[in-house]
Amino acid sequence: DRLLASGSVTGAARLLHVTQPAMSRTLARLREVLLD
């Protein structure tokens, strides 16, 4: 939801108060789970 709202990994990381590398890992997990 935050990635879609911000359009950026860094922006989503800021919104969720996590680091950019942590958000990048989360995006990788999402890609794996959603097969896209």
PDB file of all heavy atoms in Angstrom:
ATOM      1  N   ASP A   1       0.828  -1.196   0.000  1.00  0.00           N
ATOM      2  CA  ASP A   1       0.000   0.000   0.000  1.00  0.00           C
ATOM      3  C   ASP A   1       0.869   1.256   0.000  1.00  0.00           C
ATOM      4  O   ASP A   1       0.618   2.201  -0.753  1.00  0.00           O
ATOM      5  CB  ASP A   1      -0.933  -0.021   1.208  1.00  0.00           C
ATOM      6  CG  ASP A   1      -1.877   1.155   1.234  1.00  0.00           C
ATOM      7  OD1 ASP A   1      -2.724   1.249   0.329  1.00  0.00           O
ATOM      8  OD2 ASP A   1      -1.766   1.975   2.174  1.00  0.00           O
ATOM      9  N   ARG A   2       1.900   1.284   0.828  1.00  0.00           N
ATOM     10  CA  ARG A   2       2.784   2.459   0.909  1.00  0.00           C
ATOM     11  C   ARG A   2       3.627   2.605  -0.351  1.00  0.00           C
ATOM     12  O   ARG A   2       3.886   3.719  -0.803  1.00  0.00           O
ATOM     13  CB  ARG A   2       3.692   2.394   2.135  1.00  0.00           C
ATOM     14  CG  ARG A   2       2.994   2.406   3.481  1.00  0.00           C
ATOM     15  CD  ARG A   2       1.875   3.440   3.574  1.00  0.00           C
ATOM     16  NE  ARG A   2       1.292   3.503   4.876  1.00  0.00           N
ATOM     17  CZ  ARG A   2       0.308   2.718   5.322  1.00  0.00           C
ATOM     18  NH1 ARG A   2      -0.207   1.792   4.554  1.00  0.00           N
ATOM     19  NH2 ARG A   2      -0.181   2.858   6.529  1.00  0.00           N
ATOM     20  N   LEU A   3       4.055   1.479  -0.929  1.00  0.00           N
ATOM     21  CA  LEU A   3       4.802   1.542  -2.189  1.00  0.00           C
ATOM     22  C   LEU A   3       3.929   2.125  -3.290  1.00  0.00           C
ATOM     23  O   LEU A   3       4.379   2.966  -4.078  1.00  0.00           O
ATOM     24  CB  LEU A   3       5.296   0.152  -2.587  1.00  0.00           C
ATOM     25  CG  LEU A   3       6.519  -0.363  -1.830  1.00  0.00           C
ATOM     26  CD1 LEU A   3       6.626  -1.879  -1.962  1.00  0.00           C
ATOM     27  CD2 LEU A   3       7.778   0.318  -2.354  1.00  0.00           C
ATOM     28  N   LEU A   4       2.687   1.701  -3.350  1.00  0.00           N
ATOM     29  CA  LEU A   4       1.765   2.222  -4.355  1.00  0.00           C
ATOM     30  C   LEU A   4       1.480   3.706  -4.120  1.00  0.00           C
ATOM     31  O   LEU A   4       1.361   4.481  -5.069  1.00  0.00           O
ATOM     32  CB  LEU A   4       0.465   1.418  -4.345  1.00  0.00           C
ATOM     33  CG  LEU A   4       0.573   0.020  -4.944  1.00  0.00           C
ATOM     34  CD1 LEU A   4      -0.606  -0.839  -4.526  1.00  0.00           C
ATOM     35  CD2 LEU A   4       0.694   0.098  -6.463  1.00  0.00           C
ATOM     36  N   ALA A   5       1.380   4.102  -2.869  1.00  0.00           N
ATOM     37  CA  ALA A   5       1.088   5.500  -2.543  1.00  0.00           C
ATOM     38  C   ALA A   5       2.268   6.413  -2.864  1.00  0.00           C
ATOM     39  O   ALA A   5       2.082   7.521  -3.380  1.00  0.00           O
ATOM     40  CB  ALA A   5       0.719   5.633  -1.070  1.00  0.00           C
ATOM     41  N   SER A   6       3.472   5.951  -2.579  1.00  0.00           N
ATOM     42  CA  SER A   6       4.641   6.816  -2.733  1.00  0.00           C
ATOM     43  C   SER A   6       5.301   6.693  -4.099  1.00  0.00           C
ATOM     44  O   SER A   6       5.944   7.634  -4.557  1.00  0.00           O
ATOM     45  CB  SER A   6       5.669   6.505  -1.648  1.00  0.00           C
ATOM     46  OG  SER A   6       6.246   5.230  -1.889  1.00  0.00           O
ATOM     47  N   GLY A   7       5.174   5.522  -4.714  1.00  0.00           N
ATOM     48  CA  GLY A   7       5.828   5.308  -6.006  1.00  0.00           C
ATOM     49  C   GLY A   7       7.328   5.186  -5.905  1.00  0.00           C
ATOM     50  O   GLY A   7       8.032   5.259  -6.902  1.00  0.00           O
ATOM     51  N   SER A   8       7.828   4.979  -4.689  1.00  0.00           N
ATOM     52  CA  SER A   8       9.272   4.835  -4.514  1.00  0.00           C
ATOM     53  C   SER A   8       9.575   3.995  -3.282  1.00  0.00           C
ATOM     54  O   SER A   8       8.855   4.053  -2.279  1.00  0.00           O
ATOM     55  CB  SER A   8       9.941   6.204  -4.415  1.00  0.00           C
ATOM     56  OG  SER A   8      10.252   6.591  -3.118  1.00  0.00           O
ATOM     57  N   VAL A   9      10.645   3.235  -3.371  1.00  0.00           N
ATOM     58  CA  VAL A   9      11.083   2.410  -2.239  1.00  0.00           C
ATOM     59  C   VAL A   9      11.507   3.312  -1.088  1.00  0.00           C
ATOM     60  O   VAL A   9      11.146   3.081   0.066  1.00  0.00           O
ATOM     61  CB  VAL A   9      12.220   1.445  -2.666  1.00  0.00           C
ATOM     62  CG1 VAL A   9      12.822   0.740  -1.468  1.00  0.00           C
ATOM     63  CG2 VAL A   9      11.695   0.433  -3.679  1.00  0.00           C
ATOM     64  N   THR A  10      12.247   4.361  -1.404  1.00  0.00           N
ATOM     65  CA  THR A  10      12.709   5.283  -0.363  1.00  0.00           C
ATOM     66  C   THR A  10      11.535   5.992   0.303  1.00  0.00           C
ATOM     67  O   THR A  10      11.484   6.109   1.529  1.00  0.00           O
ATOM     68  CB  THR A  10      13.693   6.309  -0.962  1.00  0.00           C
ATOM     69  OG1 THR A  10      14.796   5.595  -1.542  1.00  0.00           O
ATOM     70  CG2 THR A  10      14.211   7.269   0.095  1.00  0.00           C
ATOM     71  N   GLY A  11      10.572   6.438  -0.488  1.00  0.00           N
ATOM     72  CA  GLY A  11       9.394   7.103   0.070  1.00  0.00           C
ATOM     73  C   GLY A  11       8.577   6.179   0.944  1.00  0.00           C
ATOM     74  O   GLY A  11       8.119   6.567   2.028  1.00  0.00           O
ATOM     75  N   ALA A  12       8.386   4.947   0.498  1.00  0.00           N
ATOM     76  CA  ALA A  12       7.646   3.968   1.299  1.00  0.00           C
ATOM     77  C   ALA A  12       8.395   3.661   2.586  1.00  0.00           C
ATOM     78  O   ALA A  12       7.779   3.526   3.646  1.00  0.00           O
ATOM     79  CB  ALA A  12       7.414   2.697   0.499  1.00  0.00           C
ATOM     80  N   ALA A  13       9.708   3.568   2.503  1.00  0.00           N
ATOM     81  CA  ALA A  13      10.519   3.312   3.702  1.00  0.00           C
ATOM     82  C   ALA A  13      10.326   4.435   4.716  1.00  0.00           C
ATOM     83  O   ALA A  13      10.153   4.176   5.914  1.00  0.00           O
ATOM     84  CB  ALA A  13      11.989   3.173   3.323  1.00  0.00           C
ATOM     85  N   ARG A  14      10.322   5.671   4.239  1.00  0.00           N
ATOM     86  CA  ARG A  14      10.097   6.811   5.143  1.00  0.00           C
ATOM     87  C   ARG A  14       8.724   6.734   5.805  1.00  0.00           C
ATOM     88  O   ARG A  14       8.594   6.958   7.003  1.00  0.00           O
ATOM     89  CB  ARG A  14      10.214   8.123   4.370  1.00  0.00           C
ATOM     90  CG  ARG A  14      11.605   8.582   4.189  1.00  0.00           C
ATOM     91  CD  ARG A  14      11.634  10.024   3.673  1.00  0.00           C
ATOM     92  NE  ARG A  14      12.877  10.204   2.956  1.00  0.00           N
ATOM     93  CZ  ARG A  14      12.975  10.500   1.667  1.00  0.00           C
ATOM     94  NH1 ARG A  14      11.893  10.713   0.953  1.00  0.00           N
ATOM     95  NH2 ARG A  14      14.141  10.624   1.096  1.00  0.00           N
ATOM     96  N   LEU A  15       7.708   6.410   5.002  1.00  0.00           N
ATOM     97  CA  LEU A  15       6.345   6.325   5.545  1.00  0.00           C
ATOM     98  C   LEU A  15       6.226   5.245   6.620  1.00  0.00           C
ATOM     99  O   LEU A  15       5.442   5.376   7.559  1.00  0.00           O
ATOM    100  CB  LEU A  15       5.347   6.030   4.425  1.00  0.00           C
ATOM    101  CG  LEU A  15       5.097   7.154   3.421  1.00  0.00           C
ATOM    102  CD1 LEU A  15       4.284   6.641   2.235  1.00  0.00           C
ATOM    103  CD2 LEU A  15       4.397   8.320   4.096  1.00  0.00           C
ATOM    104  N   LEU A  16       6.993   4.166   6.462  1.00  0.00           N
ATOM    105  CA  LEU A  16       6.915   3.047   7.410  1.00  0.00           C
ATOM    106  C   LEU A  16       8.002   3.092   8.483  1.00  0.00           C
ATOM    107  O   LEU A  16       8.091   2.182   9.307  1.00  0.00           O
ATOM    108  CB  LEU A  16       6.983   1.721   6.647  1.00  0.00           C
ATOM    109  CG  LEU A  16       5.774   1.431   5.772  1.00  0.00           C
ATOM    110  CD1 LEU A  16       6.000   0.188   4.941  1.00  0.00           C
ATOM    111  CD2 LEU A  16       4.527   1.277   6.635  1.00  0.00           C
ATOM    112  N   HIS A  17       8.842   4.128   8.426  1.00  0.00           N
ATOM    113  CA  HIS A  17       9.916   4.293   9.413  1.00  0.00           C
ATOM    114  C   HIS A  17      10.855   3.088   9.434  1.00  0.00           C
ATOM    115  O   HIS A  17      11.207   2.576  10.502  1.00  0.00           O
ATOM    116  CB  HIS A  17       9.345   4.566  10.808  1.00  0.00           C
ATOM    117  CG  HIS A  17       8.387   5.706  10.836  1.00  0.00           C
ATOM    118  ND1 HIS A  17       8.790   7.017  10.726  1.00  0.00           N
ATOM    119  CD2 HIS A  17       7.039   5.734  10.903  1.00  0.00           C
ATOM    120  CE1 HIS A  17       7.736   7.806  10.750  1.00  0.00           C
ATOM    121  NE2 HIS A  17       6.653   7.054  10.846  1.00  0.00           N
ATOM    122  N   VAL A  18      11.236   2.643   8.226  1.00  0.00           N
ATOM    123  CA  VAL A  18      12.229   1.577   8.085  1.00  0.00           C
ATOM    124  C   VAL A  18      13.308   2.079   7.133  1.00  0.00           C
ATOM    125  O   VAL A  18      13.137   3.099   6.464  1.00  0.00           O
ATOM    126  CB  VAL A  18      11.615   0.254   7.554  1.00  0.00           C
ATOM    127  CG1 VAL A  18      10.559  -0.279   8.508  1.00  0.00           C
ATOM    128  CG2 VAL A  18      11.046   0.419   6.159  1.00  0.00           C
ATOM    129  N   THR A  19      14.396   1.350   7.053  1.00  0.00           N
ATOM    130  CA  THR A  19      15.465   1.748   6.155  1.00  0.00           C
ATOM    131  C   THR A  19      15.117   1.385   4.711  1.00  0.00           C
ATOM    132  O   THR A  19      14.275   0.511   4.462  1.00  0.00           O
ATOM    133  CB  THR A  19      16.790   1.061   6.527  1.00  0.00           C
ATOM    134  OG1 THR A  19      16.644  -0.347   6.342  1.00  0.00           O
ATOM    135  CG2 THR A  19      17.207   1.383   7.968  1.00  0.00           C
ATOM    136  N   GLN A  20      15.777   2.047   3.784  1.00  0.00           N
ATOM    137  CA  GLN A  20      15.562   1.749   2.370  1.00  0.00           C
ATOM    138  C   GLN A  20      15.943   0.299   2.056  1.00  0.00           C
ATOM    139  O   GLN A  20      15.189  -0.376   1.343  1.00  0.00           O
ATOM    140  CB  GLN A  20      16.336   2.757   1.513  1.00  0.00           C
ATOM    141  CG  GLN A  20      16.066   2.659   0.028  1.00  0.00           C
ATOM    142  CD  GLN A  20      16.920   1.604  -0.659  1.00  0.00           C
ATOM    143  OE1 GLN A  20      18.004   1.265  -0.199  1.00  0.00           O
ATOM    144  NE2 GLN A  20      16.421   1.083  -1.757  1.00  0.00           N
ATOM    145  N   PRO A  21      17.075  -0.227   2.585  1.00  0.00           N
ATOM    146  CA  PRO A  21      17.375  -1.634   2.318  1.00  0.00           C
ATOM    147  C   PRO A  21      16.303  -2.595   2.857  1.00  0.00           C
ATOM    148  O   PRO A  21      15.982  -3.599   2.224  1.00  0.00           O
ATOM    149  CB  PRO A  21      18.723  -1.857   3.006  1.00  0.00           C
ATOM    150  CG  PRO A  21      19.353  -0.502   3.039  1.00  0.00           C
ATOM    151  CD  PRO A  21      18.205   0.455   3.245  1.00  0.00           C
ATOM    152  N   ALA A  22      15.731  -2.261   4.011  1.00  0.00           N
ATOM    153  CA  ALA A  22      14.664  -3.108   4.566  1.00  0.00           C
ATOM    154  C   ALA A  22      13.447  -3.091   3.647  1.00  0.00           C
ATOM    155  O   ALA A  22      12.818  -4.123   3.411  1.00  0.00           O
ATOM    156  CB  ALA A  22      14.286  -2.646   5.971  1.00  0.00           C
ATOM    157  N   MET A  23      13.109  -1.924   3.108  1.00  0.00           N
ATOM    158  CA  MET A  23      11.969  -1.837   2.197  1.00  0.00           C
ATOM    159  C   MET A  23      12.270  -2.573   0.894  1.00  0.00           C
ATOM    160  O   MET A  23      11.380  -3.212   0.320  1.00  0.00           O
ATOM    161  CB  MET A  23      11.609  -0.378   1.924  1.00  0.00           C
ATOM    162  CG  MET A  23      10.394  -0.209   1.046  1.00  0.00           C
ATOM    163  SD  MET A  23       8.891  -1.027   1.632  1.00  0.00           S
ATOM    164  CE  MET A  23       8.538  -0.091   3.094  1.00  0.00           C
ATOM    165  N   SER A  24      13.497  -2.511   0.435  1.00  0.00           N
ATOM    166  CA  SER A  24      13.877  -3.260  -0.769  1.00  0.00           C
ATOM    167  C   SER A  24      13.707  -4.761  -0.553  1.00  0.00           C
ATOM    168  O   SER A  24      13.220  -5.470  -1.443  1.00  0.00           O
ATOM    169  CB  SER A  24      15.327  -2.956  -1.161  1.00  0.00           C
ATOM    170  OG  SER A  24      15.441  -1.648  -1.653  1.00  0.00           O
ATOM    171  N   ARG A  25      14.080  -5.235   0.623  1.00  0.00           N
ATOM    172  CA  ARG A  25      13.889  -6.666   0.940  1.00  0.00           C
ATOM    173  C   ARG A  25      12.403  -7.005   1.011  1.00  0.00           C
ATOM    174  O   ARG A  25      11.978  -8.075   0.562  1.00  0.00           O
ATOM    175  CB  ARG A  25      14.590  -7.027   2.253  1.00  0.00           C
ATOM    176  CG  ARG A  25      16.106  -7.085   2.130  1.00  0.00           C
ATOM    177  CD  ARG A  25      16.773  -7.656   3.372  1.00  0.00           C
ATOM    178  NE  ARG A  25      16.492  -6.907   4.586  1.00  0.00           N
ATOM    179  CZ  ARG A  25      17.186  -5.858   5.009  1.00  0.00           C
ATOM    180  NH1 ARG A  25      18.197  -5.400   4.298  1.00  0.00           N
ATOM    181  NH2 ARG A  25      16.871  -5.249   6.125  1.00  0.00           N
ATOM    182  N   THR A  26      11.608  -6.101   1.553  1.00  0.00           N
ATOM    183  CA  THR A  26      10.163  -6.313   1.614  1.00  0.00           C
ATOM    184  C   THR A  26       9.568  -6.380   0.214  1.00  0.00           C
ATOM    185  O   THR A  26       8.736  -7.243  -0.073  1.00  0.00           O
ATOM    186  CB  THR A  26       9.489  -5.200   2.444  1.00  0.00           C
ATOM    187  OG1 THR A  26      10.035  -5.228   3.768  1.00  0.00           O
ATOM    188  CG2 THR A  26       7.986  -5.378   2.493  1.00  0.00           C
ATOM    189  N   LEU A  27      10.010  -5.508  -0.672  1.00  0.00           N
ATOM    190  CA  LEU A  27       9.541  -5.549  -2.056  1.00  0.00           C
ATOM    191  C   LEU A  27       9.934  -6.882  -2.704  1.00  0.00           C
ATOM    192  O   LEU A  27       9.126  -7.482  -3.426  1.00  0.00           O
ATOM    193  CB  LEU A  27      10.092  -4.370  -2.853  1.00  0.00           C
ATOM    194  CG  LEU A  27       9.731  -4.337  -4.344  1.00  0.00           C
ATOM    195  CD1 LEU A  27       8.228  -4.419  -4.576  1.00  0.00           C
ATOM    196  CD2 LEU A  27      10.320  -3.093  -4.997  1.00  0.00           C
ATOM    197  N   ALA A  28      11.127  -7.365  -2.412  1.00  0.00           N
ATOM    198  CA  ALA A  28      11.551  -8.666  -2.953  1.00  0.00           C
ATOM    199  C   ALA A  28      10.630  -9.781  -2.452  1.00  0.00           C
ATOM    200  O   ALA A  28      10.248 -10.674  -3.215  1.00  0.00           O
ATOM    201  CB  ALA A  28      12.999  -8.948  -2.571  1.00  0.00           C
ATOM    202  N   ARG A  29      10.251  -9.731  -1.177  1.00  0.00           N
ATOM    203  CA  ARG A  29       9.318 -10.726  -0.630  1.00  0.00           C
ATOM    204  C   ARG A  29       7.952 -10.629  -1.297  1.00  0.00           C
ATOM    205  O   ARG A  29       7.334 -11.645  -1.614  1.00  0.00           O
ATOM    206  CB  ARG A  29       9.185 -10.552   0.887  1.00  0.00           C
ATOM    207  CG  ARG A  29      10.414 -11.031   1.635  1.00  0.00           C
ATOM    208  CD  ARG A  29      10.327 -10.806   3.136  1.00  0.00           C
ATOM    209  NE  ARG A  29       9.128 -11.346   3.748  1.00  0.00           N
ATOM    210  CZ  ARG A  29       8.546 -10.843   4.826  1.00  0.00           C
ATOM    211  NH1 ARG A  29       9.053  -9.787   5.416  1.00  0.00           N
ATOM    212  NH2 ARG A  29       7.477 -11.401   5.333  1.00  0.00           N
ATOM    213  N   LEU A  30       7.471  -9.409  -1.486  1.00  0.00           N
ATOM    214  CA  LEU A  30       6.191  -9.208  -2.167  1.00  0.00           C
ATOM    215  C   LEU A  30       6.227  -9.785  -3.575  1.00  0.00           C
ATOM    216  O   LEU A  30       5.285 -10.449  -4.013  1.00  0.00           O
ATOM    217  CB  LEU A  30       5.856  -7.720  -2.243  1.00  0.00           C
ATOM    218  CG  LEU A  30       5.256  -7.098  -0.997  1.00  0.00           C
ATOM    219  CD1 LEU A  30       5.380  -5.580  -1.038  1.00  0.00           C
ATOM    220  CD2 LEU A  30       3.804  -7.525  -0.864  1.00  0.00           C
ATOM    221  N   ARG A  31       7.323  -9.541  -4.279  1.00  0.00           N
ATOM    222  CA  ARG A  31       7.462 -10.058  -5.641  1.00  0.00           C
ATOM    223  C   ARG A  31       7.417 -11.577  -5.650  1.00  0.00           C
ATOM    224  O   ARG A  31       6.806 -12.180  -6.529  1.00  0.00           O
ATOM    225  CB  ARG A  31       8.768  -9.562  -6.252  1.00  0.00           C
ATOM    226  CG  ARG A  31       8.721  -8.094  -6.619  1.00  0.00           C
ATOM    227  CD  ARG A  31      10.066  -7.568  -7.039  1.00  0.00           C
ATOM    228  NE  ARG A  31       9.908  -6.265  -7.686  1.00  0.00           N
ATOM    229  CZ  ARG A  31      10.890  -5.402  -7.832  1.00  0.00           C
ATOM    230  NH1 ARG A  31      12.103  -5.674  -7.378  1.00  0.00           N
ATOM    231  NH2 ARG A  31      10.663  -4.257  -8.438  1.00  0.00           N
ATOM    232  N   GLU A  32       8.052 -12.173  -4.653  1.00  0.00           N
ATOM    233  CA  GLU A  32       8.085 -13.635  -4.554  1.00  0.00           C
ATOM    234  C   GLU A  32       6.695 -14.196  -4.246  1.00  0.00           C
ATOM    235  O   GLU A  32       6.240 -15.143  -4.864  1.00  0.00           O
ATOM    236  CB  GLU A  32       9.067 -14.033  -3.456  1.00  0.00           C
ATOM    237  CG  GLU A  32       9.320 -15.507  -3.344  1.00  0.00           C
ATOM    238  CD  GLU A  32      10.359 -15.788  -2.284  1.00  0.00           C
ATOM    239  OE1 GLU A  32      11.487 -15.273  -2.399  1.00  0.00           O
ATOM    240  OE2 GLU A  32      10.033 -16.512  -1.318  1.00  0.00           O
ATOM    241  N   VAL A  33       6.014 -13.594  -3.295  1.00  0.00           N
ATOM    242  CA  VAL A  33       4.697 -14.071  -2.874  1.00  0.00           C
ATOM    243  C   VAL A  33       3.655 -13.868  -3.971  1.00  0.00           C
ATOM    244  O   VAL A  33       2.825 -14.738  -4.230  1.00  0.00           O
ATOM    245  CB  VAL A  33       4.249 -13.343  -1.580  1.00  0.00           C
ATOM    246  CG1 VAL A  33       2.783 -13.573  -1.285  1.00  0.00           C
ATOM    247  CG2 VAL A  33       5.099 -13.792  -0.401  1.00  0.00           C
ATOM    248  N   LEU A  34       3.700 -12.726  -4.631  1.00  0.00           N
ATOM    249  CA  LEU A  34       2.681 -12.379  -5.606  1.00  0.00           C
ATOM    250  C   LEU A  34       3.043 -12.782  -7.041  1.00  0.00           C
ATOM    251  O   LEU A  34       2.262 -12.564  -7.963  1.00  0.00           O
ATOM    252  CB  LEU A  34       2.372 -10.879  -5.534  1.00  0.00           C
ATOM    253  CG  LEU A  34       1.788 -10.432  -4.188  1.00  0.00           C
ATOM    254  CD1 LEU A  34       1.644  -8.922  -4.139  1.00  0.00           C
ATOM    255  CD2 LEU A  34       0.452 -11.110  -3.924  1.00  0.00           C
ATOM    256  N   LEU A  35       4.215 -13.349  -7.206  1.00  0.00           N
ATOM    257  CA  LEU A  35       4.657 -13.863  -8.509  1.00  0.00           C
ATOM    258  C   LEU A  35       4.574 -12.811  -9.618  1.00  0.00           C
ATOM    259  O   LEU A  35       4.115 -13.076 -10.724  1.00  0.00           O
ATOM    260  CB  LEU A  35       3.833 -15.098  -8.902  1.00  0.00           C
ATOM    261  CG  LEU A  35       3.794 -16.231  -7.876  1.00  0.00           C
ATOM    262  CD1 LEU A  35       2.831 -17.307  -8.324  1.00  0.00           C
ATOM    263  CD2 LEU A  35       5.183 -16.782  -7.623  1.00  0.00           C
ATOM    264  N   ASP A  36       5.017 -11.598  -9.263  1.00  0.00           N
ATOM    265  CA  ASP A  36       4.970 -10.493 -10.213  1.00  0.00           C
ATOM    266  C   ASP A  36       6.041  -9.480  -9.802  1.00  0.00           C
ATOM    267  O   ASP A  36       6.277  -9.299  -8.595  1.00  0.00           O
ATOM    268  CB  ASP A  36       3.586  -9.825 -10.174  1.00  0.00           C
ATOM    269  CG  ASP A  36       3.402  -8.794 -11.255  1.00  0.00           C
ATOM    270  OD1 ASP A  36       3.027  -9.196 -12.380  1.00  0.00           O
ATOM    271  OD2 ASP A  36       3.633  -7.599 -10.997  1.00  0.00           O
TER     272      ASP A  36
END
